[in-house]
Amino acid sequence: MQVSAAPTDIPVPRRRKPRGEARQPYLFFMPAFILIAVVSFLPLGYAIVQSVFRSDYLELGRFVWFNNYYDYLLGQNGLWSVWNSLIFVFGSVAGAVPLGFACALVLNQPLPFRGLLRTILILPWLVSNLVCGLMWLWLVNPQFGLAAYLFKQLGMVLPNMVTDSTTAMAAVIVAMVWSQYPLVMVFMLAALQTVPQELVEASRVDGASAWKRFWHVTVPLVRNTLMLTLILSSLHSFKNVEIILVLTGGGPNGGTETMALRVFLEGFRFFRMGVGSAGAVMIFMFNLLFTFAFVRVLRSEHGA
């Protein structure tokens, strides 16, 4: 007697999850969403609302449409602060990303005392921006700073870099690079440790030079992380206030007054919260543009 095989194409009805079980993932997600909404979305929404009102500190006044944006851009050092922000962000990113990448390449090698070296190189990221500004203010002090002492040993005189209009922006950019490069280093070191060594060894066997191995093998494999560090470094530089405030206070003659510093001054020195909120909203829009530009470049390189 031949026994026919059991049919296998009979649809099996899916068990419907109980209502409580279906909602469980959302319940786990809600605390994080509420926290993000409280600390990010709500302040951003209130800043947008406050930017179109003439406010007396935190009390909303009359509705003024976009007058606060005009006051921010066309007021004292308005457009100049936008230009200073672009210079500061470009200089900080152009210095921090290559330096952090170079440190990551060194730390990825089998060096003696590599753990100690990693700890030393990451220390600037553990120091607050306020302390970083104070430290660099002491370093470049023309009378009793360390840099002045080293210049004196070489028979040279160090000018006051934070009050000289030709060196003030360079001074704050150098301090920002020192504070920011460990972030790039950590991200790029993690990415480098995921690069398959078989590919590197195969390219070496094929006769590729060290530069070609780096440019054609390593960089394409860590491109996503490199783009992420560019975005994070740009955002961090754009919103930085403490280093510039401590080193130069925006001077000399507004030469280092960035958009973020002007937002701080408008809100907490001149108590024009509407104008300060307008500047904060503009910084947010600039950050969005930078992020979209980086993502667009990344997707185009992947052929998306």
Protein backbone atom coordinates (compact mmCIF):
# COMPACT_ATOMS: atom_id res chain seq x y z
CA MET A 1 0.00 0.00 0.00
CA GLN A 2 1.48 3.32 -1.10
CA VAL A 3 1.19 6.18 1.36
CA SER A 4 1.01 9.59 -0.25
CA ALA A 5 3.27 12.28 1.08
CA ALA A 6 1.74 14.96 3.22
CA PRO A 7 1.07 18.13 1.24
CA THR A 8 3.55 20.87 1.98
CA ASP A 9 1.84 23.78 0.27
CA ILE A 10 -1.01 24.06 2.73
CA PRO A 11 -0.82 27.60 4.15
CA VAL A 12 -0.21 27.67 7.87
CA PRO A 13 -2.28 30.33 9.56
CA ARG A 14 -0.14 32.90 11.34
CA ARG A 15 -0.68 33.18 15.02
CA ARG A 16 -1.98 36.59 15.79
CA LYS A 17 -0.02 38.27 18.55
CA PRO A 18 -1.96 39.42 21.56
CA ARG A 19 -2.49 43.16 21.65
CA GLY A 20 -0.17 43.62 24.61
CA GLU A 21 2.62 41.63 22.96
CA ALA A 22 2.31 43.65 19.73
CA ARG A 23 2.69 46.91 21.65
CA GLN A 24 5.63 45.75 23.73
CA PRO A 25 8.42 46.98 21.37
CA TYR A 26 6.85 50.43 21.27
CA LEU A 27 6.67 50.52 25.07
CA PHE A 28 10.42 49.85 25.27
CA PHE A 29 11.03 52.55 22.66
CA MET A 30 8.88 55.25 24.23
CA PRO A 31 11.16 56.26 27.19
CA ALA A 32 14.05 57.04 24.81
CA PHE A 33 11.74 58.88 22.42
CA ILE A 34 10.22 60.96 25.24
CA LEU A 35 13.70 61.85 26.55
CA ILE A 36 14.87 62.93 23.07
CA ALA A 37 11.68 64.93 22.57
CA VAL A 38 12.10 66.71 25.91
CA VAL A 39 15.78 67.61 25.49
CA SER A 40 15.86 68.17 21.71
CA PHE A 41 12.57 68.56 19.87
CA LEU A 42 10.75 70.73 22.41
CA PRO A 43 13.59 73.29 22.79
CA LEU A 44 13.99 73.39 19.01
CA GLY A 45 10.28 74.00 18.52
CA TYR A 46 10.24 76.71 21.18
CA ALA A 47 13.29 78.37 19.58
CA ILE A 48 11.51 78.45 16.22
CA VAL A 49 8.46 80.02 17.85
CA GLN A 50 10.54 82.51 19.82
CA SER A 51 12.48 83.52 16.69
CA VAL A 52 9.39 85.20 15.20
CA PHE A 53 8.41 87.10 18.36
CA ARG A 54 9.92 90.19 19.92
CA SER A 55 10.73 88.75 23.34
CA ASP A 56 11.70 90.24 26.66
CA TYR A 57 14.12 87.57 27.82
CA LEU A 58 11.90 84.42 28.06
CA GLU A 59 8.57 86.24 27.82
CA LEU A 60 7.11 86.36 24.31
CA GLY A 61 6.10 89.78 23.05
CA ARG A 62 4.50 90.80 19.80
CA PHE A 63 4.71 88.83 16.59
CA VAL A 64 7.34 90.35 14.27
CA TRP A 65 7.50 87.82 11.44
CA PHE A 66 11.14 87.54 10.24
CA ASN A 67 12.44 90.79 11.72
CA ASN A 68 14.62 88.90 14.21
CA TYR A 69 16.35 87.14 11.34
CA TYR A 70 16.95 90.49 9.64
CA ASP A 71 18.31 91.94 12.89
CA TYR A 72 20.63 88.97 13.29
CA LEU A 73 22.00 89.06 9.75
CA LEU A 74 22.07 92.82 9.22
CA GLY A 75 23.05 93.81 12.75
CA GLN A 76 26.55 94.37 14.06
CA ASN A 77 28.88 91.61 12.80
CA GLY A 78 25.87 89.71 11.43
CA LEU A 79 27.08 88.59 8.03
CA TRP A 80 30.64 88.70 9.30
CA SER A 81 29.78 86.07 11.94
CA VAL A 82 28.49 83.75 9.20
CA TRP A 83 31.76 84.11 7.31
CA ASN A 84 33.78 83.56 10.50
CA SER A 85 31.77 80.41 11.24
CA LEU A 86 32.53 78.96 7.82
CA ILE A 87 36.25 79.69 8.24
CA PHE A 88 36.28 78.27 11.75
CA VAL A 89 34.41 75.09 10.77
CA PHE A 90 36.50 74.50 7.65
CA GLY A 91 39.79 75.09 9.49
CA SER A 92 38.81 72.90 12.45
CA VAL A 93 37.63 70.00 10.29
CA ALA A 94 40.58 70.31 7.90
CA GLY A 95 42.93 70.05 10.87
CA ALA A 96 41.16 67.56 13.15
CA VAL A 97 40.19 64.92 10.59
CA PRO A 98 43.66 64.35 9.03
CA LEU A 99 45.32 64.52 12.46
CA GLY A 100 42.85 62.09 14.02
CA PHE A 101 43.13 59.75 11.03
CA ALA A 102 46.94 59.82 11.24
CA CYS A 103 46.84 59.03 14.97
CA ALA A 104 44.45 56.14 14.28
CA LEU A 105 46.81 54.74 11.64
CA VAL A 106 49.70 54.87 14.11
CA LEU A 107 47.70 53.29 16.94
CA ASN A 108 46.54 50.51 14.62
CA GLN A 109 50.13 49.28 14.38
CA PRO A 110 51.63 46.77 16.87
CA LEU A 111 53.50 49.35 18.95
CA PRO A 112 54.92 48.91 22.44
CA PHE A 113 52.88 50.60 25.17
CA ARG A 114 50.06 51.07 22.67
CA GLY A 115 47.42 51.17 25.40
CA LEU A 116 49.24 53.96 27.24
CA LEU A 117 49.67 55.91 24.00
CA ARG A 118 45.95 55.60 23.25
CA THR A 119 45.12 56.91 26.71
CA ILE A 120 47.41 59.92 26.29
CA LEU A 121 46.09 60.81 22.84
CA ILE A 122 42.44 60.63 23.90
CA LEU A 123 42.92 62.94 26.90
CA PRO A 124 42.02 66.17 25.02
CA TRP A 125 38.53 64.79 24.36
CA LEU A 126 38.03 64.23 28.10
CA VAL A 127 38.81 67.88 28.86
CA SER A 128 35.86 70.27 28.69
CA ASN A 129 35.92 73.04 26.12
CA LEU A 130 36.07 75.63 28.91
CA VAL A 131 39.19 74.06 30.40
CA CYS A 132 40.64 73.67 26.89
CA GLY A 133 40.16 77.38 26.25
CA LEU A 134 41.77 78.34 29.56
CA MET A 135 44.71 76.03 28.94
CA TRP A 136 45.40 77.41 25.47
CA LEU A 137 44.96 80.95 26.80
CA TRP A 138 47.84 80.21 29.16
CA LEU A 139 49.92 78.48 26.49
CA VAL A 140 49.85 81.43 24.08
CA ASN A 141 50.19 84.12 26.74
CA PRO A 142 53.02 86.37 25.50
CA GLN A 143 54.39 87.02 29.02
CA PHE A 144 54.37 83.79 31.01
CA GLY A 145 53.00 81.14 28.64
CA LEU A 146 54.85 78.00 27.59
CA ALA A 147 54.91 79.01 23.93
CA ALA A 148 56.42 82.39 24.85
CA TYR A 149 59.14 80.62 26.87
CA LEU A 150 60.02 78.31 23.96
CA PHE A 151 60.14 81.23 21.54
CA LYS A 152 62.36 83.13 23.98
CA GLN A 153 64.84 80.23 24.08
CA LEU A 154 65.06 80.50 20.29
CA GLY A 155 65.70 84.23 20.49
CA MET A 156 62.24 85.15 19.19
CA VAL A 157 59.34 87.12 20.63
CA LEU A 158 55.86 85.61 20.53
CA PRO A 159 53.12 88.14 19.72
CA ASN A 160 49.83 88.14 21.55
CA MET A 161 48.01 85.72 19.26
CA VAL A 162 44.54 86.20 20.75
CA THR A 163 44.56 89.99 20.34
CA ASP A 164 46.28 90.18 16.96
CA SER A 165 43.74 90.26 14.14
CA THR A 166 46.05 88.25 11.86
CA THR A 167 46.53 85.34 14.29
CA ALA A 168 43.38 85.27 16.46
CA MET A 169 41.37 82.99 14.16
CA ALA A 170 44.34 80.66 13.75
CA ALA A 171 44.71 80.46 17.53
CA VAL A 172 41.10 79.39 18.13
CA ILE A 173 41.25 76.91 15.23
CA VAL A 174 44.37 75.27 16.66
CA ALA A 175 42.72 74.97 20.07
CA MET A 176 39.60 73.49 18.45
CA VAL A 177 41.67 70.97 16.47
CA TRP A 178 43.44 69.86 19.65
CA SER A 179 40.10 69.41 21.41
CA GLN A 180 38.41 67.59 18.53
CA TYR A 181 40.94 65.23 16.94
CA PRO A 182 40.48 62.42 19.56
CA LEU A 183 36.86 61.96 18.42
CA VAL A 184 38.05 61.36 14.86
CA MET A 185 40.84 59.11 16.13
CA VAL A 186 38.48 56.83 18.06
CA PHE A 187 36.03 56.45 15.17
CA MET A 188 38.74 55.85 12.57
CA LEU A 189 40.64 53.42 14.80
CA ALA A 190 37.49 51.34 15.22
CA ALA A 191 36.97 51.39 11.44
CA LEU A 192 40.59 50.46 10.69
CA GLN A 193 40.35 47.40 12.92
CA THR A 194 37.55 46.07 10.70
CA VAL A 195 39.67 46.21 7.51
CA PRO A 196 40.48 42.63 6.43
CA GLN A 197 44.23 42.16 6.61
CA GLU A 198 44.00 39.59 3.81
CA LEU A 199 43.21 42.38 1.34
CA VAL A 200 46.13 44.48 2.55
CA GLU A 201 48.51 41.53 2.33
CA ALA A 202 47.22 40.60 -1.14
CA SER A 203 47.82 44.15 -2.41
CA ARG A 204 51.32 44.07 -0.91
CA VAL A 205 52.06 40.79 -2.69
CA ASP A 206 50.81 42.33 -5.94
CA GLY A 207 53.44 45.03 -5.58
CA ALA A 208 51.28 47.94 -4.44
CA SER A 209 53.15 50.66 -2.58
CA ALA A 210 52.19 51.75 0.93
CA TRP A 211 50.42 54.83 -0.44
CA LYS A 212 48.44 52.79 -2.99
CA ARG A 213 47.46 50.26 -0.32
CA PHE A 214 46.24 53.08 1.86
CA TRP A 215 44.39 55.01 -0.87
CA HIS A 216 42.90 52.12 -2.86
CA VAL A 217 42.33 49.51 -0.13
CA THR A 218 42.05 51.13 3.30
CA VAL A 219 40.26 54.38 2.49
CA PRO A 220 37.39 52.80 0.46
CA LEU A 221 36.71 50.35 3.31
CA VAL A 222 36.50 53.11 5.95
CA ARG A 223 34.79 55.73 3.76
CA ASN A 224 31.47 55.53 5.63
CA THR A 225 33.12 56.12 8.99
CA LEU A 226 35.24 58.91 7.55
CA MET A 227 32.11 60.63 6.27
CA LEU A 228 30.48 60.24 9.69
CA THR A 229 33.45 61.88 11.38
CA LEU A 230 33.28 64.76 8.91
CA ILE A 231 29.61 65.32 9.79
CA LEU A 232 30.15 65.10 13.55
CA SER A 233 33.24 67.32 13.44
CA SER A 234 31.39 69.95 11.41
CA LEU A 235 28.41 69.96 13.77
CA HIS A 236 30.64 70.12 16.83
CA SER A 237 32.67 73.02 15.42
CA PHE A 238 29.61 74.96 14.29
CA LYS A 239 28.04 75.01 17.75
CA ASN A 240 31.20 75.57 19.76
CA VAL A 241 31.12 78.65 21.98
CA GLU A 242 33.38 78.07 24.97
CA ILE A 243 36.79 77.96 23.28
CA ILE A 244 36.24 81.17 21.32
CA LEU A 245 34.58 82.91 24.27
CA VAL A 246 37.50 82.14 26.59
CA LEU A 247 40.33 82.78 24.12
CA THR A 248 39.19 85.89 22.27
CA GLY A 249 35.63 86.72 23.31
CA GLY A 250 34.88 87.19 19.62
CA GLY A 251 37.57 89.79 19.10
CA PRO A 252 39.59 91.54 18.03
CA ASN A 253 36.96 93.75 16.42
CA GLY A 254 34.66 90.81 15.79
CA GLY A 255 37.34 88.90 13.90
CA THR A 256 36.52 85.60 15.65
CA GLU A 257 32.83 86.15 16.40
CA THR A 258 31.04 83.10 15.04
CA MET A 259 27.31 82.48 14.72
CA ALA A 260 27.21 80.33 17.86
CA LEU A 261 29.04 82.95 19.90
CA ARG A 262 26.73 85.69 18.63
CA VAL A 263 23.70 83.59 19.63
CA PHE A 264 25.16 83.35 23.12
CA LEU A 265 25.85 87.08 23.29
CA GLU A 266 22.42 88.06 21.95
CA GLY A 267 20.61 85.80 24.40
CA PHE A 268 22.63 86.00 27.60
CA ARG A 269 24.44 89.34 27.40
CA PHE A 270 21.97 91.56 25.54
CA PHE A 271 18.87 89.53 26.58
CA ARG A 272 17.44 89.63 23.05
CA MET A 273 16.23 86.04 23.06
CA GLY A 274 14.21 86.47 19.86
CA VAL A 275 17.27 87.48 17.87
CA GLY A 276 19.36 84.79 19.54
CA SER A 277 16.73 82.16 18.75
CA ALA A 278 16.72 83.30 15.12
CA GLY A 279 20.47 82.76 15.00
CA ALA A 280 20.11 79.33 16.62
CA VAL A 281 17.53 78.31 14.02
CA MET A 282 19.89 79.44 11.26
CA ILE A 283 22.70 77.36 12.76
CA PHE A 284 20.34 74.38 12.80
CA MET A 285 19.58 74.93 9.12
CA PHE A 286 23.30 75.20 8.29
CA ASN A 287 23.92 71.92 10.11
CA LEU A 288 21.15 70.26 8.12
CA LEU A 289 22.67 71.52 4.87
CA PHE A 290 26.12 70.23 5.84
CA THR A 291 24.67 66.84 6.78
CA PHE A 292 22.64 66.51 3.59
CA ALA A 293 25.67 67.54 1.50
CA PHE A 294 27.92 64.93 3.13
CA VAL A 295 25.27 62.21 2.80
CA ARG A 296 24.68 63.14 -0.84
CA VAL A 297 28.39 62.85 -1.57
CA LEU A 298 28.55 59.50 0.22
CA ARG A 299 25.58 58.11 -1.70
CA SER A 300 26.92 59.35 -5.04
CA GLU A 301 30.22 57.59 -4.40
CA HIS A 302 28.31 54.36 -3.80
CA GLY A 303 26.36 54.86 -7.02
CA ALA A 304 23.00 55.39 -5.27
